[in-house]
Protein backbone atom coordinates (compact mmCIF):
# COMPACT_ATOMS: atom_id res chain seq x y z
CA MET A 1 105.14 141.57 -23.68
CA SER A 2 107.21 140.37 -20.78
CA ASP A 3 105.04 142.32 -18.31
CA LEU A 4 101.87 140.87 -19.78
CA ALA A 5 103.36 137.43 -19.59
CA ALA A 6 104.36 137.95 -15.95
CA ALA A 7 100.88 138.94 -14.83
CA PRO A 8 99.22 135.55 -15.33
CA ILE A 9 102.15 133.83 -13.61
CA GLY A 10 101.80 136.14 -10.56
CA ALA A 11 98.06 135.50 -10.41
CA ALA A 12 98.66 131.78 -10.51
CA GLY A 13 101.18 132.11 -7.69
CA ARG A 14 98.73 134.06 -5.57
CA SER A 15 96.02 131.54 -6.36
CA LEU A 16 98.30 128.70 -5.30
CA ARG A 17 99.12 130.48 -2.03
CA TRP A 18 95.42 130.98 -1.30
CA TRP A 19 94.78 127.28 -1.93
CA LEU A 20 97.59 126.39 0.46
CA ILE A 21 96.20 128.74 3.14
CA ALA A 22 92.71 127.29 2.64
CA ALA A 23 94.09 123.75 2.97
CA VAL A 24 95.87 124.64 6.22
CA LEU A 25 92.70 126.22 7.62
CA LEU A 26 90.69 123.17 6.61
CA VAL A 27 93.11 120.81 8.37
CA ALA A 28 93.06 123.02 11.47
CA GLY A 29 89.28 123.05 11.43
CA LEU A 30 89.10 119.29 11.16
CA ALA A 31 91.58 118.98 14.03
CA CYS A 32 89.35 121.18 16.23
CA ILE A 33 86.32 119.06 15.37
CA ALA A 34 88.26 115.90 16.20
CA VAL A 35 89.27 117.33 19.59
CA GLY A 36 85.68 118.25 20.31
CA LEU A 37 84.45 114.76 19.49
CA HIS A 38 87.25 113.26 21.54
CA GLY A 39 86.15 115.32 24.52
CA HIS A 40 82.57 114.17 24.11
CA HIS A 41 83.75 110.59 23.85
CA HIS A 42 85.54 110.83 27.18
CA ARG A 43 82.47 112.34 28.74
CA LEU A 44 80.40 109.47 27.39
CA ALA A 45 82.76 107.12 29.20
CA GLY A 46 81.41 108.36 32.56
CA PRO A 47 80.59 107.64 35.19
CA SER A 48 84.18 106.62 35.62
CA ALA A 49 84.39 103.54 37.72
CA PRO A 50 85.65 104.39 41.18
CA GLN A 51 89.37 104.67 40.64
CA PHE A 52 90.53 101.46 42.25
CA ALA A 53 91.21 97.92 41.13
CA SER A 54 89.06 94.92 41.94
CA PRO A 55 87.27 95.56 45.26
CA PRO A 56 89.76 94.32 47.86
CA ALA A 57 89.18 91.41 50.15
CA VAL A 58 88.94 92.58 53.73
CA SER A 59 90.08 90.72 56.81
CA SER A 60 87.93 92.83 59.10
CA THR A 61 84.61 94.59 58.73
CA PRO A 62 85.06 98.03 57.11
CA ALA A 63 83.74 101.11 58.84
CA ALA A 64 79.97 101.35 58.66
CA PRO A 65 78.65 103.60 55.87
CA PRO A 66 77.63 107.11 56.94
CA GLY A 67 74.08 107.30 58.20
CA SER A 68 73.75 103.55 58.77
CA THR A 69 71.43 102.47 61.53
CA THR A 70 70.83 99.22 63.35
CA ALA A 71 71.54 96.34 60.98
CA PRO A 72 68.37 94.71 59.56
CA PRO A 73 67.53 91.24 60.89
CA ALA A 74 69.56 88.50 59.21
CA ASP A 75 66.39 86.61 58.28
CA LEU A 76 65.60 89.35 55.75
CA ALA A 77 68.48 88.22 53.54
CA VAL A 78 67.50 86.73 50.18
CA ALA A 79 68.91 83.87 48.11
CA ARG A 80 71.28 84.71 45.27
CA SER A 81 69.34 85.64 42.15
CA THR A 82 70.05 88.00 39.26
CA PRO A 83 68.64 91.52 39.79
CA ILE A 84 66.58 92.46 36.76
CA ALA A 85 64.98 95.82 37.57
CA LEU A 86 65.48 98.90 39.73
CA ARG A 87 62.74 101.20 41.01
CA ILE A 88 63.29 104.52 42.82
CA PRO A 89 59.88 106.20 43.30
CA ALA A 90 61.25 109.53 44.57
CA ILE A 91 62.90 110.27 41.21
CA GLY A 92 60.38 108.47 39.04
CA LEU A 93 62.83 105.79 37.95
CA VAL A 94 61.83 102.32 36.81
CA VAL A 95 64.50 100.62 34.71
CA SER A 96 65.91 97.21 33.83
CA LEU A 97 69.42 96.26 34.95
CA SER A 98 72.45 94.96 33.10
CA THR A 99 75.33 93.06 34.71
CA LEU A 100 78.90 94.28 35.10
CA GLY A 101 82.19 92.59 35.83
CA LEU A 102 85.84 93.65 35.63
CA ASN A 103 87.87 95.15 32.82
CA PRO A 104 91.15 93.45 31.80
CA ASP A 105 93.01 95.91 34.07
CA ARG A 106 90.85 94.77 37.01
CA THR A 107 88.88 97.99 37.26
CA VAL A 108 85.11 97.79 37.55
CA GLN A 109 83.19 97.97 34.29
CA VAL A 110 80.66 100.75 33.70
CA PRO A 111 77.41 100.37 31.72
CA THR A 112 77.59 100.78 27.95
CA ASP A 113 73.99 102.04 27.85
CA PHE A 114 73.46 105.50 29.35
CA SER A 115 69.80 104.74 30.01
CA GLN A 116 70.46 101.50 31.92
CA PRO A 117 72.41 100.98 35.15
CA GLY A 118 74.33 97.80 35.88
CA TRP A 119 74.77 95.49 38.85
CA TYR A 120 78.32 94.51 39.83
CA ARG A 121 77.89 90.73 39.56
CA LEU A 122 81.06 89.82 41.48
CA GLY A 123 79.42 91.13 44.64
CA PRO A 124 76.26 89.89 46.39
CA THR A 125 72.76 89.99 44.99
CA PRO A 126 70.85 93.02 46.34
CA GLY A 127 69.28 91.64 49.52
CA GLN A 128 72.05 89.17 50.34
CA VAL A 129 74.28 89.89 53.32
CA GLY A 130 77.04 92.20 52.14
CA SER A 131 77.22 95.25 49.90
CA ALA A 132 75.58 94.97 46.50
CA VAL A 133 76.56 97.75 44.10
CA ILE A 134 74.74 99.23 41.11
CA LEU A 135 76.48 101.78 38.85
CA GLY A 136 74.91 104.14 36.33
CA HIS A 137 75.72 107.19 34.21
CA VAL A 138 74.84 110.73 35.27
CA ASP A 139 74.76 112.30 31.80
CA SER A 140 76.22 112.38 28.29
CA TYR A 141 76.65 114.95 25.54
CA GLN A 142 72.98 114.31 24.71
CA GLY A 143 71.75 115.29 28.17
CA PRO A 144 70.78 113.64 31.48
CA ALA A 145 71.36 109.90 31.85
CA VAL A 146 69.69 107.30 34.06
CA PHE A 147 71.24 108.40 37.39
CA PHE A 148 71.08 112.14 36.76
CA ARG A 149 68.76 112.73 39.72
CA LEU A 150 70.39 110.21 42.04
CA ARG A 151 72.10 112.96 44.05
CA THR A 152 68.70 114.41 45.05
CA LEU A 153 67.71 111.37 47.14
CA VAL A 154 67.42 111.83 50.89
CA ALA A 155 67.44 109.50 53.88
CA GLY A 156 64.32 107.39 54.23
CA GLU A 157 63.39 107.23 50.55
CA SER A 158 62.93 103.79 49.03
CA VAL A 159 64.95 101.86 46.48
CA ASP A 160 63.48 98.56 45.24
CA VAL A 161 65.29 95.86 43.29
CA SER A 162 63.38 93.06 41.54
CA LEU A 163 65.17 89.71 41.31
CA ALA A 164 64.76 87.01 38.68
CA ASP A 165 63.26 84.58 41.22
CA GLY A 166 60.29 86.89 41.88
CA VAL A 167 61.59 88.44 45.08
CA VAL A 168 61.73 92.23 45.49
CA ALA A 169 64.36 93.56 47.89
CA ASN A 170 63.18 96.84 49.40
CA PHE A 171 65.87 99.24 50.65
CA ALA A 172 65.79 102.57 52.49
CA VAL A 173 68.29 105.34 51.78
CA THR A 174 70.51 106.11 54.77
CA SER A 175 72.78 108.78 53.25
CA VAL A 176 74.04 110.36 50.02
CA VAL A 177 77.74 111.22 49.94
CA MET A 178 80.08 112.72 47.33
CA TYR A 179 83.74 111.64 47.21
CA GLU A 180 86.63 112.89 45.14
CA LYS A 181 87.63 110.02 42.89
CA ASP A 182 91.14 109.79 44.27
CA GLN A 183 89.62 109.37 47.75
CA PHE A 184 86.90 106.86 46.83
CA PRO A 185 86.32 104.54 49.84
CA ALA A 186 86.37 101.20 48.00
CA ARG A 187 86.26 99.05 51.13
CA GLN A 188 83.34 101.00 52.54
CA VAL A 189 81.31 100.86 49.32
CA TYR A 190 82.07 97.26 48.31
CA GLY A 191 82.91 95.65 51.63
CA SER A 192 80.50 93.70 53.83
CA HIS A 193 79.18 95.36 56.98
CA GLY A 194 77.45 92.26 58.29
CA TYR A 195 74.01 93.05 56.89
CA SER A 196 72.27 93.54 53.54
CA ALA A 197 73.27 96.84 51.96
CA LEU A 198 72.96 98.34 48.48
CA GLN A 199 75.14 101.16 47.18
CA LEU A 200 74.23 103.16 44.06
CA VAL A 201 77.18 104.88 42.36
CA THR A 202 77.40 107.58 39.71
CA CYS A 203 79.55 110.61 38.83
CA GLY A 204 79.16 114.10 40.22
CA GLY A 205 80.83 117.27 41.35
CA THR A 206 82.94 119.37 39.01
CA PHE A 207 83.26 118.38 35.36
CA ASP A 208 86.85 118.66 34.11
CA THR A 209 86.66 119.83 30.49
CA SER A 210 90.35 119.09 29.95
CA THR A 211 89.91 115.37 30.65
CA GLY A 212 86.22 114.90 29.90
CA HIS A 213 85.55 113.38 33.34
CA TYR A 214 83.80 114.34 36.54
CA LEU A 215 86.13 114.74 39.50
CA SER A 216 83.90 113.02 42.04
CA ASN A 217 81.56 110.07 42.59
CA VAL A 218 78.15 110.23 44.25
CA VAL A 219 77.29 107.22 46.42
CA VAL A 220 73.80 106.51 47.74
CA TYR A 221 73.96 104.19 50.75
CA THR A 222 70.91 102.06 51.54
CA GLU A 223 69.92 99.24 53.90
CA LEU A 224 67.48 96.40 53.34
CA SER A 225 64.14 97.21 54.97
CA SER A 226 61.81 94.45 53.75
CA ILE A 227 61.27 91.70 51.21
CA THR A 228 58.19 91.37 49.02
CA HIS A 229 57.25 89.22 46.03
CA SER A 230 56.42 90.39 42.54
CA GLY A 231 54.89 87.13 41.35
CA ALA A 232 56.23 84.29 39.23
CA PRO A 233 59.98 84.15 38.74
CA ALA A 234 61.48 85.05 35.40
CA THR A 235 61.99 82.17 32.96
CA GLY A 236 65.00 81.24 30.88
CA ALA A 237 68.58 82.28 31.36
CA SER A 238 67.66 85.43 33.27
CA ALA A 239 66.24 83.34 36.10
CA ASN A 240 69.62 81.84 36.87
CA ALA A 241 71.77 83.51 39.46
CA SER A 242 74.89 85.16 38.09
CA GLN A 243 77.85 83.56 39.77
CA PRO A 244 81.17 85.36 40.22
CA ARG A 245 83.81 84.43 37.66
């Protein structure tokens, strides 16, 4: 009788142990899923803003960007007006633009939309004297993002930016350079070189799976080549120039 009574108790003990093992495996599985999602989240955060604080003020003109040529005539410069669209024919890109500022820690914001690049509004309007900067994502866990093909551009190809006042600033690519993020040349990318420049920035190089970030930034340097007009200026709030704050 005692043996028969012991059997059900042993079975219950084994059953309890199996439930405990199953629970541990379930928790471990959920932890793995969480890590995977966390990694994707970090990747979605790209392109990481160049790893520097607010673009520094410079007392002297920074070194000219690689591939730069004779500065365009000063009379090509445009008035300050919000850039509303970007067109890069060589990669089939026509897209609207958002505006970006600074994060609380003084680093440059990156776009929240992977299909839309953003203009750094604390710098000049594309076409004004100085270096305007537009940042965009290279990819996400879903696939290529808006600046995925940016690295394929070559010198001489055109980059056009439409402004809210109806002006279109036409730029020509001078060079495409990749920098390790800890060697990002902030003064060269954001500083004024005495003429109208536009830099396009995204991520590139090796993807670090342990951090979920690319190790480098791709910068496309361009110079203003001409100014055209698209027609009537935009109406409403978008027609007003974004002023630095």
